[in-house]
Amino acid sequence: MGTTEAQGTCVSEVFLPDDIDALYRERRDEIRARLVDFASVDRSQWFYECCFCILTPQSSAVHADAVVTRLREENFFERGHDVVRHLRNPETYIRFHSTKHGRLHVLRDQWGLVEEILTSDVSSERERRNKLSDLVLGYGLKEASHAMRNIGFRGVAILDRHLLRLLVRCGVYDEIPSVSTRSVYWSVEEAFMRYAEQVGIDMDELDLLFWCAMTGHILK
């Protein structure tokens, strides 16, 4: 068996567990419809989808979504006002709320540069993702991939804990890989892409399928 930089061993045989295969057949149309929803997000809303991915690390995606709804309602992009109360609210609590509040304002200030990356011609979506993660304060490769997926870009992996656990369960790795550096992230992303090809499921669909398998929901 060959090893990778991912501090885990790539195993020689991969498979899709029967229950996950059954879940895919059951939820396939819903998963595909969700991807269509992402691609239909109006450009005027891209800023708020990027806000969502600043808020989600180590916090509930449901809470982050609720906060973003409030930001929209209050026209945060136009007003740039203090919204930390929403991040501190127990009903929508976001960890590290003061830090993330500051990052929301930085994102607003640099939005022109972010939008330029999102609309520019690049050699690959991975290059676009890498540029986005370099620019946006609070983004790593995972958050940049997530933001791009949520506004309709395809072909970049969101290597969160759910996906990594499922890669072990499906036989891609024999232990959860630690994606602590960019080179390791890229290595695991390549392994995930190869696995998606092997099982014959679009990578972006497989990402949402894994999320659904672990949480029971197809959120974003």
Protein backbone atom coordinates (compact mmCIF):
# COMPACT_ATOMS: atom_id res chain seq x y z
CA MET A 1 0.00 0.00 0.00
CA GLY A 2 1.28 3.44 -0.91
CA THR A 3 1.41 6.33 1.50
CA THR A 4 0.61 9.97 0.87
CA GLU A 5 1.52 13.25 2.54
CA ALA A 6 -1.83 13.06 4.31
CA GLN A 7 -0.49 11.25 7.39
CA GLY A 8 -2.77 8.36 6.60
CA THR A 9 -2.47 5.33 4.38
CA CYS A 10 -4.29 5.16 1.06
CA VAL A 11 -5.75 1.66 0.84
CA SER A 12 -5.76 -0.40 -2.33
CA GLU A 13 -9.50 -1.11 -2.54
CA VAL A 14 -12.24 1.47 -2.24
CA PHE A 15 -15.98 0.94 -2.10
CA LEU A 16 -19.25 2.74 -1.48
CA PRO A 17 -20.98 1.23 1.59
CA ASP A 18 -24.41 -0.18 0.81
CA ASP A 19 -26.23 2.26 3.09
CA ILE A 20 -24.53 5.25 1.49
CA ASP A 21 -25.25 3.90 -1.98
CA ALA A 22 -28.91 3.49 -1.00
CA LEU A 23 -28.93 7.01 0.47
CA TYR A 24 -27.54 8.37 -2.82
CA ARG A 25 -30.27 6.68 -4.84
CA GLU A 26 -32.86 8.03 -2.39
CA ARG A 27 -31.53 11.62 -2.25
CA ARG A 28 -29.87 11.98 -5.67
CA ASP A 29 -32.53 14.27 -7.14
CA GLU A 30 -32.50 16.45 -4.03
CA ILE A 31 -28.70 16.67 -4.10
CA ARG A 32 -28.70 17.64 -7.77
CA ALA A 33 -31.42 20.22 -7.18
CA ARG A 34 -29.34 21.73 -4.38
CA LEU A 35 -26.38 22.12 -6.72
CA VAL A 36 -28.67 23.86 -9.20
CA ASP A 37 -29.75 26.20 -6.37
CA PHE A 38 -26.11 27.09 -5.72
CA ALA A 39 -25.55 27.86 -9.40
CA SER A 40 -28.64 30.09 -9.38
CA VAL A 41 -27.48 32.38 -6.56
CA ASP A 42 -27.60 35.94 -7.85
CA ARG A 43 -24.29 37.78 -7.97
CA SER A 44 -25.74 40.41 -5.65
CA GLN A 45 -25.84 37.72 -2.94
CA TRP A 46 -22.31 36.41 -3.35
CA PHE A 47 -21.05 38.65 -0.56
CA TYR A 48 -23.42 37.09 1.97
CA GLU A 49 -22.50 33.55 0.93
CA CYS A 50 -18.88 34.47 1.55
CA CYS A 51 -19.90 35.85 4.97
CA PHE A 52 -21.46 32.47 5.76
CA CYS A 53 -18.10 30.77 5.28
CA ILE A 54 -16.36 33.21 7.60
CA LEU A 55 -18.86 32.31 10.32
CA THR A 56 -18.99 28.51 10.00
CA PRO A 57 -15.55 27.37 11.28
CA GLN A 58 -16.07 25.74 14.71
CA SER A 59 -19.68 26.97 14.74
CA SER A 60 -23.06 25.62 13.70
CA ALA A 61 -23.89 26.00 10.02
CA VAL A 62 -27.52 26.51 11.05
CA HIS A 63 -26.50 29.40 13.32
CA ALA A 64 -24.29 30.87 10.61
CA ASP A 65 -27.14 30.72 8.12
CA ALA A 66 -29.46 32.48 10.59
CA VAL A 67 -26.89 35.24 11.17
CA VAL A 68 -26.45 35.74 7.42
CA THR A 69 -30.22 36.08 7.07
CA ARG A 70 -30.10 38.93 9.59
CA LEU A 71 -27.17 40.54 7.78
CA ARG A 72 -29.21 40.53 4.58
CA GLU A 73 -32.27 41.93 6.30
CA GLU A 74 -30.22 44.79 7.75
CA ASN A 75 -28.33 45.48 4.49
CA PHE A 76 -24.97 44.93 6.15
CA PHE A 77 -23.07 45.25 2.87
CA GLU A 78 -24.46 48.72 2.22
CA ARG A 79 -24.41 49.96 5.81
CA GLY A 80 -21.34 48.29 7.32
CA HIS A 81 -22.74 48.67 10.82
CA ASP A 82 -21.97 46.81 14.04
CA VAL A 83 -23.66 43.39 13.92
CA VAL A 84 -21.74 41.58 16.68
CA ARG A 85 -24.96 41.26 18.71
CA HIS A 86 -26.20 38.67 16.22
CA LEU A 87 -23.02 36.62 16.62
CA ARG A 88 -23.30 36.80 20.44
CA ASN A 89 -27.02 35.95 20.54
CA PRO A 90 -27.44 32.52 22.23
CA GLU A 91 -29.99 31.55 19.58
CA THR A 92 -27.50 32.14 16.75
CA TYR A 93 -24.23 31.93 18.68
CA ILE A 94 -21.00 32.02 16.70
CA ARG A 95 -17.72 31.11 18.40
CA PHE A 96 -14.98 33.75 18.36
CA HIS A 97 -17.67 36.27 17.56
CA SER A 98 -15.51 39.37 18.02
CA THR A 99 -12.81 38.04 15.70
CA LYS A 100 -15.32 36.93 13.09
CA HIS A 101 -17.20 40.21 13.34
CA GLY A 102 -13.99 42.00 12.45
CA ARG A 103 -13.44 39.62 9.54
CA LEU A 104 -16.91 40.36 8.16
CA HIS A 105 -15.96 44.03 7.99
CA VAL A 106 -12.63 43.25 6.34
CA LEU A 107 -14.47 41.15 3.74
CA ARG A 108 -16.83 44.07 3.09
CA ASP A 109 -13.93 46.48 2.69
CA GLN A 110 -12.10 44.24 0.21
CA TRP A 111 -15.14 42.94 -1.64
CA GLY A 112 -14.07 44.48 -4.93
CA LEU A 113 -10.89 42.38 -4.89
CA VAL A 114 -12.82 39.25 -3.90
CA GLU A 115 -15.35 39.76 -6.67
CA GLU A 116 -12.51 40.25 -9.14
CA ILE A 117 -11.13 36.81 -8.22
CA LEU A 118 -14.56 35.22 -8.52
CA THR A 119 -15.19 36.65 -11.98
CA SER A 120 -11.70 36.55 -13.49
CA ASP A 121 -10.43 34.05 -16.05
CA VAL A 122 -8.22 31.43 -14.40
CA SER A 123 -6.64 28.21 -15.57
CA SER A 124 -8.67 26.15 -13.09
CA GLU A 125 -11.21 26.52 -10.31
CA ARG A 126 -8.54 25.27 -7.91
CA GLU A 127 -6.40 28.27 -8.85
CA ARG A 128 -9.39 30.55 -8.19
CA ARG A 129 -9.91 28.85 -4.82
CA ASN A 130 -6.26 29.21 -3.89
CA LYS A 131 -6.30 32.94 -4.70
CA LEU A 132 -9.47 33.40 -2.67
CA SER A 133 -7.98 31.65 0.36
CA ASP A 134 -4.88 33.87 0.10
CA LEU A 135 -6.94 37.05 0.13
CA VAL A 136 -9.86 36.54 2.53
CA LEU A 137 -9.03 36.84 6.22
CA GLY A 138 -10.40 33.76 7.98
CA TYR A 139 -10.39 31.52 4.91
CA GLY A 140 -8.31 28.45 4.41
CA LEU A 141 -8.68 26.15 1.43
CA LYS A 142 -11.75 24.51 2.98
CA GLU A 143 -13.64 27.77 3.56
CA ALA A 144 -12.69 29.14 0.13
CA SER A 145 -13.90 25.91 -1.49
CA HIS A 146 -17.12 26.09 0.51
CA ALA A 147 -17.79 29.70 -0.50
CA MET A 148 -17.21 28.91 -4.15
CA ARG A 149 -19.45 25.82 -4.07
CA ASN A 150 -22.25 27.84 -2.48
CA ILE A 151 -22.33 30.26 -5.42
CA GLY A 152 -22.18 27.63 -8.13
CA PHE A 153 -18.52 26.82 -8.78
CA ARG A 154 -17.68 23.12 -9.11
CA GLY A 155 -14.68 20.86 -8.81
CA VAL A 156 -13.09 21.92 -5.51
CA ALA A 157 -13.31 19.75 -2.40
CA ILE A 158 -14.60 20.92 0.98
CA LEU A 159 -12.49 18.72 3.25
CA ASP A 160 -14.44 19.04 6.48
CA ARG A 161 -14.55 16.47 9.27
CA HIS A 162 -17.62 14.75 7.79
CA LEU A 163 -15.97 14.12 4.46
CA LEU A 164 -12.70 12.96 6.03
CA ARG A 165 -14.48 10.46 8.27
CA LEU A 166 -16.40 9.08 5.30
CA LEU A 167 -13.19 8.70 3.30
CA VAL A 168 -12.01 6.32 6.01
CA ARG A 169 -15.32 4.47 6.09
CA CYS A 170 -15.27 4.09 2.31
CA GLY A 171 -11.77 2.68 2.34
CA VAL A 172 -9.87 5.58 0.81
CA TYR A 173 -7.74 5.98 3.95
CA ASP A 174 -7.19 3.70 6.90
CA GLU A 175 -7.20 6.64 9.33
CA ILE A 176 -8.47 10.20 9.21
CA PRO A 177 -5.90 12.30 7.36
CA SER A 178 -4.70 15.53 8.94
CA VAL A 179 -5.08 18.33 6.40
CA SER A 180 -2.90 20.77 8.31
CA THR A 181 -0.96 22.14 5.34
CA ARG A 182 -1.81 23.16 1.79
CA SER A 183 0.22 20.33 0.26
CA VAL A 184 -1.64 17.76 2.34
CA TYR A 185 -5.00 19.37 1.53
CA TRP A 186 -4.22 19.14 -2.18
CA SER A 187 -3.13 15.50 -1.78
CA VAL A 188 -6.34 14.49 -0.01
CA GLU A 189 -8.39 16.49 -2.52
CA GLU A 190 -6.79 14.50 -5.34
CA ALA A 191 -7.58 11.24 -3.53
CA PHE A 192 -11.20 12.31 -3.11
CA MET A 193 -11.46 13.23 -6.79
CA ARG A 194 -10.06 9.84 -7.82
CA TYR A 195 -12.47 8.09 -5.46
CA ALA A 196 -15.45 9.95 -6.93
CA GLU A 197 -14.39 8.80 -10.39
CA GLN A 198 -14.01 5.21 -9.19
CA VAL A 199 -17.50 5.03 -7.69
CA GLY A 200 -19.03 6.92 -10.62
CA ILE A 201 -20.53 9.83 -8.67
CA ASP A 202 -19.87 13.48 -9.46
CA MET A 203 -17.49 14.88 -6.82
CA ASP A 204 -19.78 17.74 -5.84
CA GLU A 205 -22.71 15.37 -5.49
CA LEU A 206 -20.57 13.04 -3.40
CA ASP A 207 -19.61 15.92 -1.11
CA LEU A 208 -23.28 16.67 -0.37
CA LEU A 209 -24.02 12.96 -0.06
CA PHE A 210 -21.34 12.57 2.61
CA TRP A 211 -22.70 15.60 4.47
CA CYS A 212 -26.18 14.09 4.32
CA ALA A 213 -24.91 10.70 5.50
CA MET A 214 -23.28 12.24 8.58
CA THR A 215 -25.89 14.88 9.47
CA GLY A 216 -29.13 13.82 7.82
CA HIS A 217 -29.40 17.21 6.11
CA ILE A 218 -28.48 18.80 2.79
CA LEU A 219 -27.83 22.35 3.89
CA LYS A 220 -24.90 24.17 2.28
